[in-house]
């Protein structure tokens, strides 16, 4: 279980490599007139820009717990789910905003 969670966190950390491109495209969310008055668009833009903050904080929490060796699978799973919250929020806001 610990190894599977470590691999999931590794993939989550690798997603930060894609983030700069997505962030540059997120600038175009507010390109159209009146788009800043739409709360869904603003929320999506903010979640994209704050994405690395949540992911890095969850990674620090996970890996410090993992390396100490005292992390139970439940604590490691909680740290992993905290990191997955950022991509899940971006996907949900994108679906709601563009559906």
N, C-alpha and C. Protein backbone atom coordinates (compact mmCIF):
# COMPACT_ATOMS: atom_id res chain seq x y z
N UNK A 1 0.82 -1.19 0.00
CA UNK A 1 0.00 0.00 0.00
C UNK A 1 0.87 1.26 0.00
N UNK A 2 1.93 1.24 0.79
CA UNK A 2 2.82 2.40 0.86
C UNK A 2 3.47 2.68 -0.50
N UNK A 3 3.85 1.62 -1.20
CA UNK A 3 4.52 1.80 -2.49
C UNK A 3 3.54 2.34 -3.53
N UNK A 4 2.31 1.85 -3.52
CA UNK A 4 1.29 2.34 -4.46
C UNK A 4 1.01 3.82 -4.21
N UNK A 5 0.89 4.20 -2.95
CA UNK A 5 0.67 5.61 -2.64
C UNK A 5 1.87 6.46 -3.02
N UNK A 6 3.06 5.92 -2.87
CA UNK A 6 4.27 6.66 -3.28
C UNK A 6 4.28 6.87 -4.79
N UNK A 7 3.86 5.86 -5.54
CA UNK A 7 3.81 6.01 -7.00
C UNK A 7 2.74 7.03 -7.40
N UNK A 8 1.60 7.02 -6.72
CA UNK A 8 0.55 8.01 -7.00
C UNK A 8 1.06 9.42 -6.72
N UNK A 9 1.80 9.59 -5.64
CA UNK A 9 2.34 10.90 -5.32
C UNK A 9 3.44 11.29 -6.30
N UNK A 10 4.17 10.33 -6.80
CA UNK A 10 5.16 10.63 -7.84
C UNK A 10 4.51 11.15 -9.11
N UNK A 11 3.40 10.53 -9.50
CA UNK A 11 2.65 11.02 -10.67
C UNK A 11 2.05 12.40 -10.41
N UNK A 12 1.60 12.59 -9.20
CA UNK A 12 1.05 13.90 -8.84
C UNK A 12 2.13 14.98 -8.89
N UNK A 13 3.31 14.64 -8.43
CA UNK A 13 4.42 15.60 -8.50
C UNK A 13 4.83 15.84 -9.96
N UNK A 14 4.76 14.80 -10.78
CA UNK A 14 5.10 14.96 -12.20
C UNK A 14 4.09 15.86 -12.92
N UNK A 15 2.88 15.95 -12.39
CA UNK A 15 1.89 16.82 -13.03
C UNK A 15 2.28 18.29 -12.94
N UNK A 16 3.18 18.60 -12.04
CA UNK A 16 3.66 19.99 -11.94
C UNK A 16 4.48 20.39 -13.17
N UNK A 17 4.97 19.42 -13.92
CA UNK A 17 5.71 19.73 -15.15
C UNK A 17 4.78 20.27 -16.24
N UNK A 18 3.53 19.89 -16.20
CA UNK A 18 2.55 20.33 -17.19
C UNK A 18 1.92 21.66 -16.79
N UNK A 19 1.96 21.96 -15.51
CA UNK A 19 1.27 23.13 -14.99
C UNK A 19 1.64 24.45 -15.66
N UNK A 20 2.90 24.75 -15.96
CA UNK A 20 3.19 26.06 -16.57
C UNK A 20 2.44 26.29 -17.89
N UNK A 21 2.33 25.25 -18.71
CA UNK A 21 1.59 25.39 -19.96
C UNK A 21 0.11 25.63 -19.73
N UNK A 22 -0.46 24.92 -18.78
CA UNK A 22 -1.87 25.10 -18.45
C UNK A 22 -2.10 26.48 -17.87
N UNK A 23 -1.18 26.94 -17.05
CA UNK A 23 -1.32 28.26 -16.45
C UNK A 23 -1.26 29.36 -17.51
N UNK A 24 -0.40 29.18 -18.50
CA UNK A 24 -0.33 30.17 -19.57
C UNK A 24 -1.62 30.19 -20.39
N UNK A 25 -2.23 29.02 -20.56
CA UNK A 25 -3.50 28.98 -21.29
C UNK A 25 -4.65 29.53 -20.44
N UNK A 26 -4.52 29.44 -19.12
CA UNK A 26 -5.58 29.92 -18.25
C UNK A 26 -5.73 31.44 -18.32
N UNK A 27 -4.71 32.12 -18.78
CA UNK A 27 -4.80 33.57 -18.94
C UNK A 27 -5.91 33.91 -19.93
N UNK A 28 -6.15 33.04 -20.90
CA UNK A 28 -7.16 33.31 -21.91
C UNK A 28 -8.58 33.12 -21.39
N UNK A 29 -8.72 32.61 -20.18
CA UNK A 29 -10.06 32.50 -19.58
C UNK A 29 -10.67 33.88 -19.36
N UNK A 30 -9.84 34.84 -19.06
CA UNK A 30 -10.35 36.19 -18.78
C UNK A 30 -10.11 37.13 -19.95
N UNK A 31 -9.86 36.57 -21.14
CA UNK A 31 -9.59 37.37 -22.32
C UNK A 31 -10.85 38.01 -22.88
N UNK A 32 -11.94 37.31 -22.82
CA UNK A 32 -13.19 37.83 -23.40
C UNK A 32 -13.79 38.90 -22.50
N UNK A 33 -14.48 39.84 -23.12
CA UNK A 33 -15.17 40.85 -22.30
C UNK A 33 -16.23 40.20 -21.42
N UNK A 34 -16.42 40.73 -20.27
CA UNK A 34 -17.41 40.26 -19.29
C UNK A 34 -17.07 38.90 -18.67
N UNK A 35 -15.95 38.30 -19.02
CA UNK A 35 -15.64 36.98 -18.47
C UNK A 35 -15.22 37.06 -17.00
N UNK A 36 -14.73 38.20 -16.58
CA UNK A 36 -14.34 38.33 -15.17
C UNK A 36 -15.56 38.46 -14.25
N UNK A 37 -16.73 38.65 -14.83
CA UNK A 37 -17.95 38.72 -14.02
C UNK A 37 -18.57 37.35 -13.81
N UNK A 38 -18.03 36.33 -14.46
CA UNK A 38 -18.55 34.97 -14.32
C UNK A 38 -17.78 34.27 -13.21
N UNK A 39 -18.42 33.92 -12.09
CA UNK A 39 -17.70 33.34 -10.95
C UNK A 39 -17.06 31.99 -11.27
N UNK A 40 -17.65 31.22 -12.16
CA UNK A 40 -17.06 29.93 -12.51
C UNK A 40 -15.72 30.09 -13.22
N UNK A 41 -15.65 31.08 -14.09
CA UNK A 41 -14.41 31.34 -14.81
C UNK A 41 -13.32 31.84 -13.88
N UNK A 42 -13.68 32.72 -12.99
CA UNK A 42 -12.71 33.24 -12.03
C UNK A 42 -12.23 32.13 -11.10
N UNK A 43 -13.15 31.27 -10.66
CA UNK A 43 -12.78 30.16 -9.78
C UNK A 43 -11.86 29.17 -10.50
N UNK A 44 -12.15 28.90 -11.77
CA UNK A 44 -11.28 28.00 -12.53
C UNK A 44 -9.89 28.61 -12.70
N UNK A 45 -9.82 29.88 -13.02
CA UNK A 45 -8.52 30.53 -13.16
C UNK A 45 -7.73 30.54 -11.86
N UNK A 46 -8.41 30.80 -10.76
CA UNK A 46 -7.73 30.81 -9.46
C UNK A 46 -7.27 29.42 -9.07
N UNK A 47 -8.08 28.40 -9.36
CA UNK A 47 -7.67 27.04 -8.99
C UNK A 47 -6.49 26.57 -9.83
N UNK A 48 -6.42 27.01 -11.08
CA UNK A 48 -5.27 26.65 -11.91
C UNK A 48 -4.01 27.35 -11.40
N UNK A 49 -4.14 28.60 -11.03
CA UNK A 49 -2.96 29.33 -10.58
C UNK A 49 -2.48 28.90 -9.20
N UNK A 50 -3.38 28.43 -8.35
CA UNK A 50 -2.99 27.97 -7.01
C UNK A 50 -2.72 26.48 -6.95
N UNK A 51 -2.80 25.80 -8.08
CA UNK A 51 -2.59 24.36 -8.16
C UNK A 51 -1.27 23.90 -7.52
N UNK A 52 -0.14 24.52 -7.85
CA UNK A 52 1.12 24.02 -7.29
C UNK A 52 1.23 24.20 -5.78
N UNK A 53 0.56 25.19 -5.23
CA UNK A 53 0.64 25.41 -3.78
C UNK A 53 0.07 24.20 -3.04
N UNK A 54 -1.10 23.74 -3.48
CA UNK A 54 -1.74 22.60 -2.84
C UNK A 54 -0.94 21.32 -3.08
N UNK A 55 -0.49 21.12 -4.30
CA UNK A 55 0.24 19.89 -4.62
C UNK A 55 1.56 19.83 -3.87
N UNK A 56 2.29 20.91 -3.82
CA UNK A 56 3.59 20.91 -3.13
C UNK A 56 3.39 20.72 -1.62
N UNK A 57 2.39 21.36 -1.05
CA UNK A 57 2.14 21.17 0.38
C UNK A 57 1.78 19.72 0.68
N UNK A 58 0.97 19.11 -0.16
CA UNK A 58 0.61 17.70 0.05
C UNK A 58 1.82 16.79 -0.16
N UNK A 59 2.68 17.14 -1.10
CA UNK A 59 3.88 16.33 -1.33
C UNK A 59 4.83 16.39 -0.13
N UNK A 60 5.00 17.57 0.41
CA UNK A 60 5.86 17.71 1.60
C UNK A 60 5.29 16.90 2.75
N UNK A 61 3.99 17.00 2.95
CA UNK A 61 3.35 16.23 4.02
C UNK A 61 3.51 14.73 3.80
N UNK A 62 3.27 14.27 2.58
CA UNK A 62 3.36 12.84 2.29
C UNK A 62 4.78 12.33 2.47
N UNK A 63 5.75 13.00 1.85
CA UNK A 63 7.11 12.46 1.85
C UNK A 63 7.78 12.56 3.21
N UNK A 64 7.46 13.57 4.00
CA UNK A 64 8.02 13.60 5.35
C UNK A 64 7.44 12.48 6.20
N UNK A 65 6.16 12.22 6.03
CA UNK A 65 5.54 11.10 6.76
C UNK A 65 6.08 9.77 6.26
N UNK A 66 6.27 9.64 4.97
CA UNK A 66 6.75 8.39 4.36
C UNK A 66 8.18 8.08 4.81
N UNK A 67 9.03 9.09 4.82
CA UNK A 67 10.45 8.86 5.15
C UNK A 67 10.68 8.58 6.63
N UNK A 68 9.82 9.08 7.46
CA UNK A 68 9.97 8.79 8.88
C UNK A 68 9.67 7.33 9.19
N UNK A 69 8.96 6.68 8.29
CA UNK A 69 8.65 5.27 8.47
C UNK A 69 7.52 5.01 9.43
N UNK A 70 7.09 6.01 10.16
CA UNK A 70 6.03 5.83 11.14
C UNK A 70 4.66 6.12 10.57
N UNK A 71 4.64 6.51 9.28
CA UNK A 71 3.37 6.86 8.68
C UNK A 71 2.52 5.64 8.42
N UNK A 72 1.37 5.61 9.02
CA UNK A 72 0.46 4.51 8.75
C UNK A 72 -0.14 4.70 7.36
N UNK A 73 -0.61 3.62 6.76
CA UNK A 73 -1.23 3.77 5.43
C UNK A 73 -2.39 4.77 5.43
N UNK A 74 -3.08 4.90 6.56
CA UNK A 74 -4.19 5.85 6.62
C UNK A 74 -3.68 7.29 6.53
N UNK A 75 -2.61 7.61 7.24
CA UNK A 75 -2.05 8.96 7.18
C UNK A 75 -1.50 9.26 5.79
N UNK A 76 -0.86 8.25 5.18
CA UNK A 76 -0.33 8.44 3.84
C UNK A 76 -1.46 8.62 2.83
N UNK A 77 -2.54 7.89 3.00
CA UNK A 77 -3.69 8.04 2.11
C UNK A 77 -4.32 9.43 2.27
N UNK A 78 -4.38 9.94 3.48
CA UNK A 78 -4.92 11.28 3.70
C UNK A 78 -4.07 12.34 3.01
N UNK A 79 -2.75 12.18 3.09
CA UNK A 79 -1.87 13.14 2.42
C UNK A 79 -2.01 13.04 0.91
N UNK A 80 -2.18 11.83 0.40
CA UNK A 80 -2.37 11.66 -1.04
C UNK A 80 -3.68 12.29 -1.49
N UNK A 81 -4.74 12.06 -0.74
CA UNK A 81 -6.03 12.65 -1.11
C UNK A 81 -6.01 14.17 -1.02
N UNK A 82 -5.23 14.71 -0.11
CA UNK A 82 -5.09 16.17 -0.03
C UNK A 82 -4.43 16.70 -1.30
N UNK A 83 -3.48 15.97 -1.83
CA UNK A 83 -2.83 16.38 -3.08
C UNK A 83 -3.71 16.20 -4.29
N UNK A 84 -4.56 15.20 -4.28
CA UNK A 84 -5.45 14.94 -5.41
C UNK A 84 -6.60 15.94 -5.43
N UNK A 85 -6.82 16.64 -4.34
CA UNK A 85 -7.91 17.61 -4.28
C UNK A 85 -7.71 18.73 -5.31
N UNK A 86 -6.49 19.15 -5.55
CA UNK A 86 -6.24 20.24 -6.50
C UNK A 86 -6.60 19.85 -7.93
N UNK A 87 -6.09 18.71 -8.45
CA UNK A 87 -6.50 18.36 -9.81
C UNK A 87 -7.99 18.07 -9.92
N UNK A 88 -8.58 17.49 -8.88
CA UNK A 88 -10.01 17.20 -8.91
C UNK A 88 -10.82 18.50 -8.98
N UNK A 89 -10.40 19.50 -8.24
CA UNK A 89 -11.09 20.79 -8.27
C UNK A 89 -10.99 21.43 -9.64
N UNK A 90 -9.82 21.39 -10.25
CA UNK A 90 -9.66 21.97 -11.59
C UNK A 90 -10.55 21.25 -12.59
N UNK A 91 -10.60 19.92 -12.54
CA UNK A 91 -11.42 19.17 -13.48
C UNK A 91 -12.90 19.46 -13.26
N UNK A 92 -13.34 19.47 -12.01
CA UNK A 92 -14.75 19.73 -11.73
C UNK A 92 -15.14 21.14 -12.19
N UNK A 93 -14.31 22.12 -11.90
CA UNK A 93 -14.63 23.48 -12.33
C UNK A 93 -14.62 23.61 -13.84
N UNK A 94 -13.73 22.91 -14.51
CA UNK A 94 -13.70 22.97 -15.98
C UNK A 94 -14.95 22.33 -16.58
N UNK A 95 -15.37 21.21 -16.01
CA UNK A 95 -16.57 20.55 -16.52
C UNK A 95 -17.81 21.41 -16.27
N UNK A 96 -17.91 21.96 -15.08
CA UNK A 96 -19.08 22.79 -14.75
C UNK A 96 -19.07 24.07 -15.58
N UNK A 97 -17.90 24.63 -15.78
CA UNK A 97 -17.79 25.91 -16.48
C UNK A 97 -18.06 25.77 -17.98
N UNK A 98 -17.65 24.67 -18.57
CA UNK A 98 -17.75 24.54 -20.02
C UNK A 98 -18.84 23.57 -20.46
N UNK A 99 -19.62 23.06 -19.52
CA UNK A 99 -20.70 22.12 -19.92
C UNK A 99 -21.95 22.86 -20.28
